[in-house]
Amino acid sequence: MSDLTDRLARIVREACVRAALDAYEQAGVSGLCAEGRWELAVDAMRSLDLGAMIQEHPEVGMRDAR
């Protein structure tokens, strides 16, 4: 894997984990069962704004491939 690809993968993985953990915790505070908490965690990962994530990290932005 190139350094750029590795960096992008790490950024996306960290964002997914953070989103899932935050959603899981918030769902627990709201009283949801484990299954409901997991569903919200997965939903949080699916709804991540990858475009915004790339804007926050311009070093991994897509290059014009020709």
N, C-alpha and C. Protein backbone atom coordinates (compact mmCIF):
# COMPACT_ATOMS: atom_id res chain seq x y z
N MET A 1 0.84 -1.17 0.00
CA MET A 1 0.00 0.00 0.00
C MET A 1 0.89 1.24 0.00
N SER A 2 0.50 2.23 -0.77
CA SER A 2 1.28 3.46 -0.78
C SER A 2 1.05 4.22 0.52
N ASP A 3 1.92 5.15 0.82
CA ASP A 3 1.78 5.95 2.03
C ASP A 3 0.46 6.71 2.03
N LEU A 4 0.09 7.25 0.87
CA LEU A 4 -1.15 8.01 0.75
C LEU A 4 -2.37 7.13 0.98
N THR A 5 -2.37 5.96 0.38
CA THR A 5 -3.47 5.01 0.55
C THR A 5 -3.56 4.55 2.00
N ASP A 6 -2.42 4.28 2.60
CA ASP A 6 -2.38 3.87 4.00
C ASP A 6 -2.94 4.96 4.90
N ARG A 7 -2.55 6.20 4.65
CA ARG A 7 -3.04 7.34 5.45
C ARG A 7 -4.55 7.49 5.32
N LEU A 8 -5.07 7.39 4.09
CA LEU A 8 -6.51 7.51 3.88
C LEU A 8 -7.25 6.38 4.59
N ALA A 9 -6.73 5.17 4.50
CA ALA A 9 -7.37 4.03 5.17
C ALA A 9 -7.41 4.24 6.68
N ARG A 10 -6.34 4.75 7.25
CA ARG A 10 -6.30 5.00 8.69
C ARG A 10 -7.31 6.08 9.10
N ILE A 11 -7.41 7.13 8.30
CA ILE A 11 -8.35 8.22 8.59
C ILE A 11 -9.78 7.70 8.56
N VAL A 12 -10.11 6.92 7.53
CA VAL A 12 -11.46 6.39 7.41
C VAL A 12 -11.76 5.40 8.54
N ARG A 13 -10.81 4.52 8.85
CA ARG A 13 -11.02 3.55 9.92
C ARG A 13 -11.25 4.25 11.26
N GLU A 14 -10.42 5.24 11.57
CA GLU A 14 -10.56 5.97 12.84
C GLU A 14 -11.91 6.69 12.91
N ALA A 15 -12.33 7.27 11.80
CA ALA A 15 -13.62 7.96 11.78
C ALA A 15 -14.77 6.98 11.98
N CYS A 16 -14.69 5.81 11.36
CA CYS A 16 -15.74 4.80 11.51
C CYS A 16 -15.82 4.31 12.96
N VAL A 17 -14.68 4.02 13.53
CA VAL A 17 -14.66 3.54 14.92
C VAL A 17 -15.21 4.60 15.86
N ARG A 18 -14.77 5.84 15.68
CA ARG A 18 -15.24 6.93 16.54
C ARG A 18 -16.75 7.12 16.40
N ALA A 19 -17.26 7.12 15.17
CA ALA A 19 -18.69 7.29 14.93
C ALA A 19 -19.48 6.14 15.55
N ALA A 20 -18.99 4.92 15.38
CA ALA A 20 -19.70 3.75 15.92
C ALA A 20 -19.72 3.77 17.44
N LEU A 21 -18.59 4.06 18.06
CA LEU A 21 -18.54 4.09 19.52
C LEU A 21 -19.42 5.19 20.10
N ASP A 22 -19.37 6.37 19.47
CA ASP A 22 -20.21 7.48 19.94
C ASP A 22 -21.70 7.13 19.83
N ALA A 23 -22.09 6.57 18.69
CA ALA A 23 -23.49 6.22 18.48
C ALA A 23 -23.93 5.11 19.45
N TYR A 24 -23.06 4.12 19.64
CA TYR A 24 -23.38 3.02 20.54
C TYR A 24 -23.58 3.53 21.97
N GLU A 25 -22.70 4.42 22.39
CA GLU A 25 -22.82 4.98 23.73
C GLU A 25 -24.09 5.83 23.88
N GLN A 26 -24.36 6.68 22.91
CA GLN A 26 -25.55 7.52 22.97
C GLN A 26 -26.83 6.68 22.96
N ALA A 27 -26.83 5.62 22.18
CA ALA A 27 -27.99 4.74 22.13
C ALA A 27 -28.21 4.06 23.48
N GLY A 28 -27.12 3.71 24.15
CA GLY A 28 -27.23 3.10 25.48
C GLY A 28 -27.80 4.08 26.49
N VAL A 29 -27.35 5.32 26.42
CA VAL A 29 -27.87 6.36 27.31
C VAL A 29 -29.37 6.55 27.07
N SER A 30 -29.78 6.38 25.81
CA SER A 30 -31.20 6.53 25.46
C SER A 30 -32.02 5.30 25.84
N GLY A 31 -31.36 4.25 26.31
CA GLY A 31 -32.08 3.08 26.79
C GLY A 31 -32.28 1.97 25.77
N LEU A 32 -31.62 2.04 24.64
CA LEU A 32 -31.79 0.98 23.64
C LEU A 32 -31.08 -0.30 24.08
N CYS A 33 -31.59 -1.41 23.60
CA CYS A 33 -30.98 -2.71 23.87
C CYS A 33 -29.71 -2.84 23.01
N ALA A 34 -28.97 -3.91 23.23
CA ALA A 34 -27.71 -4.11 22.51
C ALA A 34 -27.92 -4.14 21.00
N GLU A 35 -28.98 -4.80 20.54
CA GLU A 35 -29.24 -4.87 19.10
C GLU A 35 -29.53 -3.49 18.52
N GLY A 36 -30.33 -2.70 19.22
CA GLY A 36 -30.62 -1.35 18.77
C GLY A 36 -29.39 -0.47 18.79
N ARG A 37 -28.57 -0.66 19.79
CA ARG A 37 -27.32 0.11 19.87
C ARG A 37 -26.42 -0.22 18.70
N TRP A 38 -26.32 -1.51 18.36
CA TRP A 38 -25.49 -1.93 17.24
C TRP A 38 -26.04 -1.36 15.93
N GLU A 39 -27.36 -1.38 15.75
CA GLU A 39 -27.96 -0.83 14.53
C GLU A 39 -27.62 0.64 14.37
N LEU A 40 -27.68 1.39 15.46
CA LEU A 40 -27.33 2.81 15.38
C LEU A 40 -25.85 3.02 15.12
N ALA A 41 -25.02 2.16 15.66
CA ALA A 41 -23.58 2.26 15.41
C ALA A 41 -23.28 2.03 13.93
N VAL A 42 -23.89 1.02 13.35
CA VAL A 42 -23.68 0.74 11.92
C VAL A 42 -24.23 1.89 11.09
N ASP A 43 -25.39 2.40 11.46
CA ASP A 43 -25.98 3.55 10.77
C ASP A 43 -25.04 4.75 10.79
N ALA A 44 -24.40 4.98 11.91
CA ALA A 44 -23.48 6.11 12.05
C ALA A 44 -22.30 5.96 11.09
N MET A 45 -21.80 4.74 10.95
CA MET A 45 -20.69 4.52 10.02
C MET A 45 -21.13 4.71 8.58
N ARG A 46 -22.32 4.24 8.27
CA ARG A 46 -22.84 4.38 6.90
C ARG A 46 -23.10 5.83 6.53
N SER A 47 -23.41 6.65 7.51
CA SER A 47 -23.78 8.04 7.20
C SER A 47 -22.61 9.01 7.32
N LEU A 48 -21.41 8.50 7.51
CA LEU A 48 -20.24 9.38 7.58
C LEU A 48 -20.10 10.16 6.27
N ASP A 49 -19.76 11.42 6.38
CA ASP A 49 -19.55 12.27 5.21
C ASP A 49 -18.09 12.15 4.78
N LEU A 50 -17.83 11.23 3.86
CA LEU A 50 -16.45 10.98 3.44
C LEU A 50 -15.87 12.18 2.71
N GLY A 51 -16.70 12.92 1.99
CA GLY A 51 -16.22 14.12 1.30
C GLY A 51 -15.69 15.14 2.28
N ALA A 52 -16.40 15.36 3.37
CA ALA A 52 -15.96 16.30 4.40
C ALA A 52 -14.68 15.79 5.05
N MET A 53 -14.59 14.48 5.23
CA MET A 53 -13.40 13.90 5.83
C MET A 53 -12.17 14.17 4.97
N ILE A 54 -12.33 14.03 3.67
CA ILE A 54 -11.22 14.28 2.76
C ILE A 54 -10.86 15.77 2.75
N GLN A 55 -11.86 16.64 2.83
CA GLN A 55 -11.60 18.08 2.89
C GLN A 55 -10.81 18.44 4.14
N GLU A 56 -11.07 17.74 5.24
CA GLU A 56 -10.35 17.99 6.48
C GLU A 56 -8.90 17.52 6.38
N HIS A 57 -8.62 16.63 5.45
CA HIS A 57 -7.28 16.06 5.27
C HIS A 57 -6.88 16.19 3.80
N PRO A 58 -6.55 17.40 3.36
CA PRO A 58 -6.25 17.59 1.93
C PRO A 58 -5.07 16.76 1.43
N GLU A 59 -4.22 16.31 2.33
CA GLU A 59 -3.06 15.51 1.90
C GLU A 59 -3.48 14.16 1.32
N VAL A 60 -4.72 13.73 1.57
CA VAL A 60 -5.19 12.46 1.03
C VAL A 60 -6.29 12.66 -0.01
N GLY A 61 -6.51 13.89 -0.42
CA GLY A 61 -7.53 14.19 -1.41
C GLY A 61 -7.26 13.47 -2.72
N MET A 62 -8.31 13.23 -3.44
CA MET A 62 -8.19 12.52 -4.71
C MET A 62 -7.43 13.37 -5.71
N ARG A 63 -6.49 12.78 -6.38
CA ARG A 63 -5.73 13.45 -7.41
C ARG A 63 -6.37 13.17 -8.76
N ASP A 64 -6.19 14.03 -9.71
CA ASP A 64 -6.73 13.86 -11.04
C ASP A 64 -5.95 12.76 -11.75
N ALA A 65 -6.53 11.57 -11.84
CA ALA A 65 -5.85 10.43 -12.45
C ALA A 65 -6.11 10.42 -13.96
N ARG A 66 -5.04 10.43 -14.73
CA ARG A 66 -5.18 10.41 -16.19
C ARG A 66 -4.39 9.27 -16.75
